[in-house]
Structure formats: structure tokens, C-alpha cells
Amino acid sequence: MDNSILFNCCTDHAAPNWSQYYALELGGCIEAKCTVTSDTWTEGGYHRSDAEFFTVYGHLKEGGCEAITDWHGSFDEAVCTAEELARLSGLPLEVRC
């Protein structure tokens, strides 16, 4: 896979500094929209059957998490993408959707 797919949430579609993370997580997401302002944002924590897309997050050693890539294909394809990132990074992967 090319970097524009694997790292589409990262600056310049470049691999992040993996040393800042202790693990990766695949999560189900939706794009939420405010009915008043039409602003949109991503909400995570959705089961795969309710998700509109999937995101691979890096869990930061200093706390919090950071999106590495969004996947708009099937759940199985998202798992394959997450597994490839785990292989590249050497980090453990947890599938949470």
C-alpha cells in the first residue's frame, strides 16, 4: 500500500514517529453533523455494523491518541490496513469495533 492510503491522517502522508506510541487501535467511526451550523466532526467508538468508516489510532505514551489513517472500505479491509501498520511499526494492535 502506498503512503497516501496508510498515512492519510498524517502530515504529508508520511509515517509518524512510531516511538511516540505504545499501541495501535482500530475503531469504528461516523461523521457527525451539527444541525444548526452544519459543522462536521468524527466520532469514534462505534461497532463495525454502525460505523461509516474505520480509523487506526496510535495511543500516545504521553496520553491520548492520534489518528494515523481513515479507511472507507469494508471492515475486513480496515483490519488488513491496521495489521500492515502494526507490522510496519512493531506495535501491538487492538481491534475495538
PDB file of N, CA and C in Angstrom:
ATOM      1  N   MET A   1       0.838  -1.186   0.000  1.00  0.00           N
ATOM      2  CA  MET A   1       0.000   0.000   0.000  1.00  0.00           C
ATOM      3  C   MET A   1       0.878   1.244   0.000  1.00  0.00           C
ATOM      4  N   ASP A   2       0.389   2.272  -0.642  1.00  0.00           N
ATOM      5  CA  ASP A   2       1.204   3.484  -0.658  1.00  0.00           C
ATOM      6  C   ASP A   2       0.891   4.369   0.553  1.00  0.00           C
ATOM      7  N   ASN A   3       1.773   5.332   0.790  1.00  0.00           N
ATOM      8  CA  ASN A   3       1.669   6.181   1.977  1.00  0.00           C
ATOM      9  C   ASN A   3       0.409   7.021   2.022  1.00  0.00           C
ATOM     10  N   SER A   4      -0.151   7.391   0.845  1.00  0.00           N
ATOM     11  CA  SER A   4      -1.367   8.214   0.860  1.00  0.00           C
ATOM     12  C   SER A   4      -2.552   7.428   1.406  1.00  0.00           C
ATOM     13  N   ILE A   5      -2.461   6.103   1.402  1.00  0.00           N
ATOM     14  CA  ILE A   5      -3.511   5.269   1.995  1.00  0.00           C
ATOM     15  C   ILE A   5      -3.180   4.965   3.446  1.00  0.00           C
ATOM     16  N   LEU A   6      -1.947   4.533   3.703  1.00  0.00           N
ATOM     17  CA  LEU A   6      -1.566   4.112   5.046  1.00  0.00           C
ATOM     18  C   LEU A   6      -1.489   5.259   6.049  1.00  0.00           C
ATOM     19  N   PHE A   7      -1.180   6.450   5.579  1.00  0.00           N
ATOM     20  CA  PHE A   7      -0.954   7.570   6.493  1.00  0.00           C
ATOM     21  C   PHE A   7      -1.790   8.787   6.110  1.00  0.00           C
ATOM     22  N   ASN A   8      -3.061   8.579   5.717  1.00  0.00           N
ATOM     23  CA  ASN A   8      -3.863   9.690   5.201  1.00  0.00           C
ATOM     24  C   ASN A   8      -4.296  10.710   6.247  1.00  0.00           C
ATOM     25  N   CYS A   9      -4.054  10.432   7.531  1.00  0.00           N
ATOM     26  CA  CYS A   9      -4.332  11.422   8.577  1.00  0.00           C
ATOM     27  C   CYS A   9      -3.049  12.093   9.077  1.00  0.00           C
ATOM     28  N   CYS A  10      -1.919  11.706   8.517  1.00  0.00           N
ATOM     29  CA  CYS A  10      -0.616  12.221   8.959  1.00  0.00           C
ATOM     30  C   CYS A  10      -0.128  13.335   8.031  1.00  0.00           C
ATOM     31  N   THR A  11       0.655  14.241   8.579  1.00  0.00           N
ATOM     32  CA  THR A  11       1.232  15.340   7.816  1.00  0.00           C
ATOM     33  C   THR A  11       2.022  14.807   6.625  1.00  0.00           C
ATOM     34  N   ASP A  12       1.750  15.348   5.450  1.00  0.00           N
ATOM     35  CA  ASP A  12       2.424  14.968   4.205  1.00  0.00           C
ATOM     36  C   ASP A  12       2.313  13.476   3.886  1.00  0.00           C
ATOM     37  N   HIS A  13       1.314  12.805   4.439  1.00  0.00           N
ATOM     38  CA  HIS A  13       1.119  11.361   4.225  1.00  0.00           C
ATOM     39  C   HIS A  13       2.386  10.577   4.524  1.00  0.00           C
ATOM     40  N   ALA A  14       3.133  11.042   5.507  1.00  0.00           N
ATOM     41  CA  ALA A  14       4.380  10.380   5.910  1.00  0.00           C
ATOM     42  C   ALA A  14       4.149   9.590   7.189  1.00  0.00           C
ATOM     43  N   ALA A  15       4.889   8.509   7.338  1.00  0.00           N
ATOM     44  CA  ALA A  15       4.788   7.695   8.553  1.00  0.00           C
ATOM     45  C   ALA A  15       5.123   8.549   9.772  1.00  0.00           C
ATOM     46  N   PRO A  16       4.389   8.357  10.852  1.00  0.00           N
ATOM     47  CA  PRO A  16       4.681   9.113  12.072  1.00  0.00           C
ATOM     48  C   PRO A  16       5.932   8.562  12.760  1.00  0.00           C
ATOM     49  N   ASN A  17       6.352   9.238  13.792  1.00  0.00           N
ATOM     50  CA  ASN A  17       7.431   8.745  14.645  1.00  0.00           C
ATOM     51  C   ASN A  17       6.820   7.685  15.547  1.00  0.00           C
ATOM     52  N   TRP A  18       7.031   6.420  15.213  1.00  0.00           N
ATOM     53  CA  TRP A  18       6.385   5.323  15.931  1.00  0.00           C
ATOM     54  C   TRP A  18       6.763   5.286  17.404  1.00  0.00           C
ATOM     55  N   SER A  19       7.907   5.853  17.770  1.00  0.00           N
ATOM     56  CA  SER A  19       8.366   5.784  19.166  1.00  0.00           C
ATOM     57  C   SER A  19       7.477   6.579  20.113  1.00  0.00           C
ATOM     58  N   GLN A  20       6.606   7.442  19.586  1.00  0.00           N
ATOM     59  CA  GLN A  20       5.715   8.217  20.449  1.00  0.00           C
ATOM     60  C   GLN A  20       4.475   7.425  20.879  1.00  0.00           C
ATOM     61  N   TYR A  21       4.289   6.224  20.318  1.00  0.00           N
ATOM     62  CA  TYR A  21       3.121   5.396  20.604  1.00  0.00           C
ATOM     63  C   TYR A  21       3.509   4.139  21.370  1.00  0.00           C
ATOM     64  N   TYR A  22       2.533   3.600  22.107  1.00  0.00           N
ATOM     65  CA  TYR A  22       2.749   2.305  22.755  1.00  0.00           C
ATOM     66  C   TYR A  22       1.855   1.213  22.163  1.00  0.00           C
ATOM     67  N   ALA A  23       0.857   1.585  21.351  1.00  0.00           N
ATOM     68  CA  ALA A  23      -0.039   0.607  20.738  1.00  0.00           C
ATOM     69  C   ALA A  23      -0.855   1.274  19.639  1.00  0.00           C
ATOM     70  N   LEU A  24      -1.469   0.431  18.788  1.00  0.00           N
ATOM     71  CA  LEU A  24      -2.395   0.890  17.756  1.00  0.00           C
ATOM     72  C   LEU A  24      -3.782   0.335  18.057  1.00  0.00           C
ATOM     73  N   GLU A  25      -4.787   1.051  17.588  1.00  0.00           N
ATOM     74  CA  GLU A  25      -6.177   0.630  17.785  1.00  0.00           C
ATOM     75  C   GLU A  25      -6.957   0.882  16.507  1.00  0.00           C
ATOM     76  N   LEU A  26      -7.784  -0.073  16.121  1.00  0.00           N
ATOM     77  CA  LEU A  26      -8.713   0.107  15.010  1.00  0.00           C
ATOM     78  C   LEU A  26     -10.088   0.350  15.598  1.00  0.00           C
ATOM     79  N   GLY A  27     -10.707   1.456  15.222  1.00  0.00           N
ATOM     80  CA  GLY A  27     -12.017   1.798  15.756  1.00  0.00           C
ATOM     81  C   GLY A  27     -13.002   2.171  14.670  1.00  0.00           C
ATOM     82  N   GLY A  28     -14.284   1.949  14.960  1.00  0.00           N
ATOM     83  CA  GLY A  28     -15.357   2.333  14.048  1.00  0.00           C
ATOM     84  C   GLY A  28     -15.772   3.772  14.293  1.00  0.00           C
ATOM     85  N   CYS A  29     -16.018   4.515  13.211  1.00  0.00           N
ATOM     86  CA  CYS A  29     -16.326   5.946  13.320  1.00  0.00           C
ATOM     87  C   CYS A  29     -17.516   6.336  12.446  1.00  0.00           C
ATOM     88  N   ILE A  30     -18.075   7.489  12.771  1.00  0.00           N
ATOM     89  CA  ILE A  30     -19.083   8.126  11.925  1.00  0.00           C
ATOM     90  C   ILE A  30     -18.701   9.591  11.762  1.00  0.00           C
ATOM     91  N   GLU A  31     -19.246  10.218  10.735  1.00  0.00           N
ATOM     92  CA  GLU A  31     -19.103  11.655  10.578  1.00  0.00           C
ATOM     93  C   GLU A  31     -20.380  12.282  11.121  1.00  0.00           C
ATOM     94  N   ALA A  32     -20.261  12.981  12.228  1.00  0.00           N
ATOM     95  CA  ALA A  32     -21.413  13.639  12.855  1.00  0.00           C
ATOM     96  C   ALA A  32     -21.549  15.055  12.301  1.00  0.00           C
ATOM     97  N   LYS A  33     -22.777  15.577  12.323  1.00  0.00           N
ATOM     98  CA  LYS A  33     -23.033  16.903  11.759  1.00  0.00           C
ATOM     99  C   LYS A  33     -23.963  17.686  12.677  1.00  0.00           C
ATOM    100  N   CYS A  34     -23.597  18.923  12.939  1.00  0.00           N
ATOM    101  CA  CYS A  34     -24.437  19.822  13.730  1.00  0.00           C
ATOM    102  C   CYS A  34     -25.593  20.304  12.849  1.00  0.00           C
ATOM    103  N   THR A  35     -26.806  20.161  13.331  1.00  0.00           N
ATOM    104  CA  THR A  35     -27.972  20.572  12.541  1.00  0.00           C
ATOM    105  C   THR A  35     -28.127  22.084  12.457  1.00  0.00           C
ATOM    106  N   VAL A  36     -27.485  22.799  13.365  1.00  0.00           N
ATOM    107  CA  VAL A  36     -27.604  24.260  13.378  1.00  0.00           C
ATOM    108  C   VAL A  36     -26.550  24.907  12.485  1.00  0.00           C
ATOM    109  N   THR A  37     -25.291  24.492  12.626  1.00  0.00           N
ATOM    110  CA  THR A  37     -24.197  25.151  11.905  1.00  0.00           C
ATOM    111  C   THR A  37     -23.691  24.363  10.701  1.00  0.00           C
ATOM    112  N   SER A  38     -24.087  23.129  10.562  1.00  0.00           N
ATOM    113  CA  SER A  38     -23.604  22.220   9.516  1.00  0.00           C
ATOM    114  C   SER A  38     -22.136  21.844   9.692  1.00  0.00           C
ATOM    115  N   ASP A  39     -21.540  22.169  10.848  1.00  0.00           N
ATOM    116  CA  ASP A  39     -20.180  21.726  11.144  1.00  0.00           C
ATOM    117  C   ASP A  39     -20.172  20.211  11.248  1.00  0.00           C
ATOM    118  N   THR A  40     -19.065  19.594  10.864  1.00  0.00           N
ATOM    119  CA  THR A  40     -18.933  18.142  10.974  1.00  0.00           C
ATOM    120  C   THR A  40     -17.698  17.796  11.792  1.00  0.00           C
ATOM    121  N   TRP A  41     -17.717  16.597  12.368  1.00  0.00           N
ATOM    122  CA  TRP A  41     -16.585  16.084  13.121  1.00  0.00           C
ATOM    123  C   TRP A  41     -16.676  14.570  13.125  1.00  0.00           C
ATOM    124  N   THR A  42     -15.578  13.949  13.484  1.00  0.00           N
ATOM    125  CA  THR A  42     -15.531  12.492  13.561  1.00  0.00           C
ATOM    126  C   THR A  42     -15.826  12.050  14.978  1.00  0.00           C
ATOM    127  N   GLU A  43     -16.692  11.059  15.106  1.00  0.00           N
ATOM    128  CA  GLU A  43     -16.969  10.429  16.401  1.00  0.00           C
ATOM    129  C   GLU A  43     -16.542   8.973  16.307  1.00  0.00           C
ATOM    130  N   GLY A  44     -15.769   8.531  17.281  1.00  0.00           N
ATOM    131  CA  GLY A  44     -15.310   7.152  17.327  1.00  0.00           C
ATOM    132  C   GLY A  44     -16.102   6.340  18.329  1.00  0.00           C
ATOM    133  N   GLY A  45     -15.716   5.074  18.463  1.00  0.00           N
ATOM    134  CA  GLY A  45     -16.334   4.200  19.438  1.00  0.00           C
ATOM    135  C   GLY A  45     -17.535   3.436  18.925  1.00  0.00           C
ATOM    136  N   TYR A  46     -17.717   3.359  17.607  1.00  0.00           N
ATOM    137  CA  TYR A  46     -18.879   2.687  17.029  1.00  0.00           C
ATOM    138  C   TYR A  46     -18.558   1.241  16.656  1.00  0.00           C
ATOM    139  N   HIS A  47     -19.536   0.375  16.842  1.00  0.00           N
ATOM    140  CA  HIS A  47     -19.412  -1.016  16.415  1.00  0.00           C
ATOM    141  C   HIS A  47     -19.333  -1.048  14.888  1.00  0.00           C
ATOM    142  N   ARG A  48     -18.647  -2.038  14.361  1.00  0.00           N
ATOM    143  CA  ARG A  48     -18.449  -2.139  12.905  1.00  0.00           C
ATOM    144  C   ARG A  48     -19.766  -2.103  12.120  1.00  0.00           C
ATOM    145  N   SER A  49     -20.853  -2.620  12.690  1.00  0.00           N
ATOM    146  CA  SER A  49     -22.129  -2.629  11.973  1.00  0.00           C
ATOM    147  C   SER A  49     -22.742  -1.231  11.870  1.00  0.00           C
ATOM    148  N   ASP A  50     -22.348  -0.324  12.742  1.00  0.00           N
ATOM    149  CA  ASP A  50     -22.868   1.048  12.737  1.00  0.00           C
ATOM    150  C   ASP A  50     -21.878   2.067  12.181  1.00  0.00           C
ATOM    151  N   ALA A  51     -20.639   1.650  11.972  1.00  0.00           N
ATOM    152  CA  ALA A  51     -19.589   2.576  11.530  1.00  0.00           C
ATOM    153  C   ALA A  51     -19.754   2.939  10.053  1.00  0.00           C
ATOM    154  N   GLU A  52     -19.443   4.195   9.742  1.00  0.00           N
ATOM    155  CA  GLU A  52     -19.410   4.654   8.357  1.00  0.00           C
ATOM    156  C   GLU A  52     -18.021   4.447   7.767  1.00  0.00           C
ATOM    157  N   PHE A  53     -17.003   4.465   8.631  1.00  0.00           N
ATOM    158  CA  PHE A  53     -15.622   4.220   8.226  1.00  0.00           C
ATOM    159  C   PHE A  53     -14.838   3.801   9.458  1.00  0.00           C
ATOM    160  N   PHE A  54     -13.568   3.473   9.258  1.00  0.00           N
ATOM    161  CA  PHE A  54     -12.724   2.976  10.334  1.00  0.00           C
ATOM    162  C   PHE A  54     -11.452   3.811  10.420  1.00  0.00           C
ATOM    163  N   THR A  55     -10.947   3.977  11.629  1.00  0.00           N
ATOM    164  CA  THR A  55      -9.725   4.753  11.845  1.00  0.00           C
ATOM    165  C   THR A  55      -8.740   3.924  12.647  1.00  0.00           C
ATOM    166  N   VAL A  56      -7.474   3.996  12.222  1.00  0.00           N
ATOM    167  CA  VAL A  56      -6.395   3.410  13.016  1.00  0.00           C
ATOM    168  C   VAL A  56      -5.788   4.550  13.815  1.00  0.00           C
ATOM    169  N   TYR A  57      -5.783   4.375  15.131  1.00  0.00           N
ATOM    170  CA  TYR A  57      -5.237   5.365  16.058  1.00  0.00           C
ATOM    171  C   TYR A  57      -3.932   4.857  16.652  1.00  0.00           C
ATOM    172  N   GLY A  58      -3.025   5.780  16.921  1.00  0.00           N
ATOM    173  CA  GLY A  58      -1.843   5.477  17.711  1.00  0.00           C
ATOM    174  C   GLY A  58      -2.087   5.979  19.114  1.00  0.00           C
ATOM    175  N   HIS A  59      -1.892   5.120  20.121  1.00  0.00           N
ATOM    176  CA  HIS A  59      -2.031   5.535  21.520  1.00  0.00           C
ATOM    177  C   HIS A  59      -0.719   6.171  21.965  1.00  0.00           C
ATOM    178  N   LEU A  60      -0.786   7.446  22.306  1.00  0.00           N
ATOM    179  CA  LEU A  60       0.401   8.207  22.673  1.00  0.00           C
ATOM    180  C   LEU A  60       0.891   7.843  24.070  1.00  0.00           C
ATOM    181  N   LYS A  61       2.201   7.697  24.207  1.00  0.00           N
ATOM    182  CA  LYS A  61       2.797   7.394  25.506  1.00  0.00           C
ATOM    183  C   LYS A  61       2.485   8.485  26.522  1.00  0.00           C
ATOM    184  N   GLU A  62       2.371   9.726  26.064  1.00  0.00           N
ATOM    185  CA  GLU A  62       2.093  10.848  26.972  1.00  0.00           C
ATOM    186  C   GLU A  62       0.610  11.021  27.270  1.00  0.00           C
ATOM    187  N   GLY A  63      -0.223  10.167  26.686  1.00  0.00           N
ATOM    188  CA  GLY A  63      -1.665  10.232  26.913  1.00  0.00           C
ATOM    189  C   GLY A  63      -2.410  10.654  25.663  1.00  0.00           C
ATOM    190  N   GLY A  64      -3.600  10.146  25.514  1.00  0.00           N
ATOM    191  CA  GLY A  64      -4.429  10.467  24.360  1.00  0.00           C
ATOM    192  C   GLY A  64      -4.099   9.578  23.173  1.00  0.00           C
ATOM    193  N   CYS A  65      -4.686   9.912  22.045  1.00  0.00           N
ATOM    194  CA  CYS A  65      -4.419   9.144  20.832  1.00  0.00           C
ATOM    195  C   CYS A  65      -4.428  10.082  19.638  1.00  0.00           C
ATOM    196  N   GLU A  66      -3.942   9.557  18.523  1.00  0.00           N
ATOM    197  CA  GLU A  66      -3.782  10.347  17.307  1.00  0.00           C
ATOM    198  C   GLU A  66      -4.190   9.473  16.121  1.00  0.00           C
ATOM    199  N   ALA A  67      -4.993  10.014  15.227  1.00  0.00           N
ATOM    200  CA  ALA A  67      -5.402   9.268  14.033  1.00  0.00           C
ATOM    201  C   ALA A  67      -4.231   9.128  13.083  1.00  0.00           C
ATOM    202  N   ILE A  68      -4.037   7.909  12.572  1.00  0.00           N
ATOM    203  CA  ILE A  68      -2.989   7.655  11.598  1.00  0.00           C
ATOM    204  C   ILE A  68      -3.585   7.514  10.204  1.00  0.00           C
ATOM    205  N   THR A  69      -4.691   6.781  10.094  1.00  0.00           N
ATOM    206  CA  THR A  69      -5.343   6.644   8.792  1.00  0.00           C
ATOM    207  C   THR A  69      -6.829   6.381   8.962  1.00  0.00           C
ATOM    208  N   ASP A  70      -7.612   6.859   8.013  1.00  0.00           N
ATOM    209  CA  ASP A  70      -9.037   6.546   7.910  1.00  0.00           C
ATOM    210  C   ASP A  70      -9.213   5.589   6.750  1.00  0.00           C
ATOM    211  N   TRP A  71     -10.081   4.592   6.942  1.00  0.00           N
ATOM    212  CA  TRP A  71     -10.354   3.612   5.896  1.00  0.00           C
ATOM    213  C   TRP A  71     -11.852   3.618   5.615  1.00  0.00           C
ATOM    214  N   HIS A  72     -12.226   3.880   4.368  1.00  0.00           N
ATOM    215  CA  HIS A  72     -13.639   3.962   3.987  1.00  0.00           C
ATOM    216  C   HIS A  72     -14.137   2.724   3.268  1.00  0.00           C
ATOM    217  N   GLY A  73     -13.372   1.643   3.307  1.00  0.00           N
ATOM    218  CA  GLY A  73     -13.791   0.378   2.709  1.00  0.00           C
ATOM    219  C   GLY A  73     -14.443  -0.516   3.745  1.00  0.00           C
ATOM    220  N   SER A  74     -14.371  -1.813   3.496  1.00  0.00           N
ATOM    221  CA  SER A  74     -15.002  -2.782   4.381  1.00  0.00           C
ATOM    222  C   SER A  74     -14.217  -2.953   5.681  1.00  0.00           C
ATOM    223  N   PHE A  75     -14.869  -3.567   6.663  1.00  0.00           N
ATOM    224  CA  PHE A  75     -14.218  -3.858   7.928  1.00  0.00           C
ATOM    225  C   PHE A  75     -13.010  -4.769   7.716  1.00  0.00           C
ATOM    226  N   ASP A  76     -13.158  -5.805   6.909  1.00  0.00           N
ATOM    227  CA  ASP A  76     -12.051  -6.730   6.660  1.00  0.00           C
ATOM    228  C   ASP A  76     -10.852  -6.016   6.034  1.00  0.00           C
ATOM    229  N   GLU A  77     -11.115  -5.097   5.120  1.00  0.00           N
ATOM    230  CA  GLU A  77     -10.027  -4.311   4.516  1.00  0.00           C
ATOM    231  C   GLU A  77      -9.384  -3.401   5.558  1.00  0.00           C
ATOM    232  N   ALA A  78     -10.191  -2.839   6.446  1.00  0.00           N
ATOM    233  CA  ALA A  78      -9.659  -1.989   7.510  1.00  0.00           C
ATOM    234  C   ALA A  78      -8.744  -2.786   8.436  1.00  0.00           C
ATOM    235  N   VAL A  79      -9.131  -4.023   8.740  1.00  0.00           N
ATOM    236  CA  VAL A  79      -8.295  -4.887   9.576  1.00  0.00           C
ATOM    237  C   VAL A  79      -6.962  -5.146   8.881  1.00  0.00           C
ATOM    238  N   CYS A  80      -6.992  -5.428   7.589  1.00  0.00           N
ATOM    239  CA  CYS A  80      -5.751  -5.657   6.837  1.00  0.00           C
ATOM    240  C   CYS A  80      -4.852  -4.423   6.862  1.00  0.00           C
ATOM    241  N   THR A  81      -5.448  -3.238   6.714  1.00  0.00           N
ATOM    242  CA  THR A  81      -4.681  -1.998   6.771  1.00  0.00           C
ATOM    243  C   THR A  81      -4.073  -1.812   8.158  1.00  0.00           C
ATOM    244  N   ALA A  82      -4.859  -2.047   9.197  1.00  0.00           N
ATOM    245  CA  ALA A  82      -4.365  -1.913  10.573  1.00  0.00           C
ATOM    246  C   ALA A  82      -3.245  -2.920  10.848  1.00  0.00           C
ATOM    247  N   GLU A  83      -3.391  -4.133  10.355  1.00  0.00           N
ATOM    248  CA  GLU A  83      -2.346  -5.146  10.541  1.00  0.00           C
ATOM    249  C   GLU A  83      -1.058  -4.755   9.834  1.00  0.00           C
ATOM    250  N   GLU A  84      -1.172  -4.135   8.666  1.00  0.00           N
ATOM    251  CA  GLU A  84       0.019  -3.657   7.955  1.00  0.00           C
ATOM    252  C   GLU A  84       0.715  -2.560   8.753  1.00  0.00           C
ATOM    253  N   LEU A  85      -0.049  -1.650   9.344  1.00  0.00           N
ATOM    254  CA  LEU A  85       0.546  -0.599  10.175  1.00  0.00           C
ATOM    255  C   LEU A  85       1.204  -1.190  11.427  1.00  0.00           C
ATOM    256  N   ALA A  86       0.588  -2.202  12.004  1.00  0.00           N
ATOM    257  CA  ALA A  86       1.188  -2.868  13.165  1.00  0.00           C
ATOM    258  C   ALA A  86       2.501  -3.540  12.767  1.00  0.00           C
ATOM    259  N   ARG A  87       2.531  -4.150  11.592  1.00  0.00           N
ATOM    260  CA  ARG A  87       3.755  -4.785  11.108  1.00  0.00           C
ATOM    261  C   ARG A  87       4.860  -3.749  10.883  1.00  0.00           C
ATOM    262  N   LEU A  88       4.493  -2.629  10.237  1.00  0.00           N
ATOM    263  CA  LEU A  88       5.476  -1.582   9.968  1.00  0.00           C
ATOM    264  C   LEU A  88       6.016  -0.937  11.237  1.00  0.00           C
ATOM    265  N   SER A  89       5.143  -0.766  12.208  1.00  0.00           N
ATOM    266  CA  SER A  89       5.515  -0.047  13.432  1.00  0.00           C
ATOM    267  C   SER A  89       6.115  -0.946  14.503  1.00  0.00           C
ATOM    268  N   GLY A  90       5.773  -2.234  14.449  1.00  0.00           N
ATOM    269  CA  GLY A  90       6.188  -3.135  15.512  1.00  0.00           C
ATOM    270  C   GLY A  90       5.355  -2.982  16.768  1.00  0.00           C
ATOM    271  N   LEU A  91       4.206  -2.307  16.662  1.00  0.00           N
ATOM    272  CA  LEU A  91       3.342  -2.051  17.813  1.00  0.00           C
ATOM    273  C   LEU A  91       2.201  -3.060  17.864  1.00  0.00           C
ATOM    274  N   PRO A  92       1.714  -3.361  19.071  1.00  0.00           N
ATOM    275  CA  PRO A  92       0.551  -4.237  19.175  1.00  0.00           C
ATOM    276  C   PRO A  92      -0.706  -3.528  18.669  1.00  0.00           C
ATOM    277  N   LEU A  93      -1.643  -4.321  18.162  1.00  0.00           N
ATOM    278  CA  LEU A  93      -2.883  -3.799  17.601  1.00  0.00           C
ATOM    279  C   LEU A  93      -4.064  -4.346  18.355  1.00  0.00           C
ATOM    280  N   GLU A  94      -5.002  -3.470  18.685  1.00  0.00           N
ATOM    281  CA  GLU A  94      -6.259  -3.890  19.296  1.00  0.00           C
ATOM    282  C   GLU A  94      -7.393  -3.460  18.363  1.00  0.00           C
ATOM    283  N   VAL A  95      -8.276  -4.401  18.025  1.00  0.00           N
ATOM    284  CA  VAL A  95      -9.444  -4.103  17.198  1.00  0.00           C
ATOM    285  C   VAL A  95     -10.605  -3.887  18.149  1.00  0.00           C
ATOM    286  N   ARG A  96     -11.192  -2.675  18.118  1.00  0.00           N
ATOM    287  CA  ARG A  96     -12.232  -2.316  19.083  1.00  0.00           C
ATOM    288  C   ARG A  96     -13.566  -2.022  18.435  1.00  0.00           C
ATOM    289  N   CYS A  97     -13.891  -2.699  17.357  1.00  0.00           N
ATOM    290  CA  CYS A  97     -15.176  -2.397  16.715  1.00  0.00           C
ATOM    291  C   CYS A  97     -15.862  -3.635  16.230  1.00  0.00           C
TER     292      CYS A  97
END
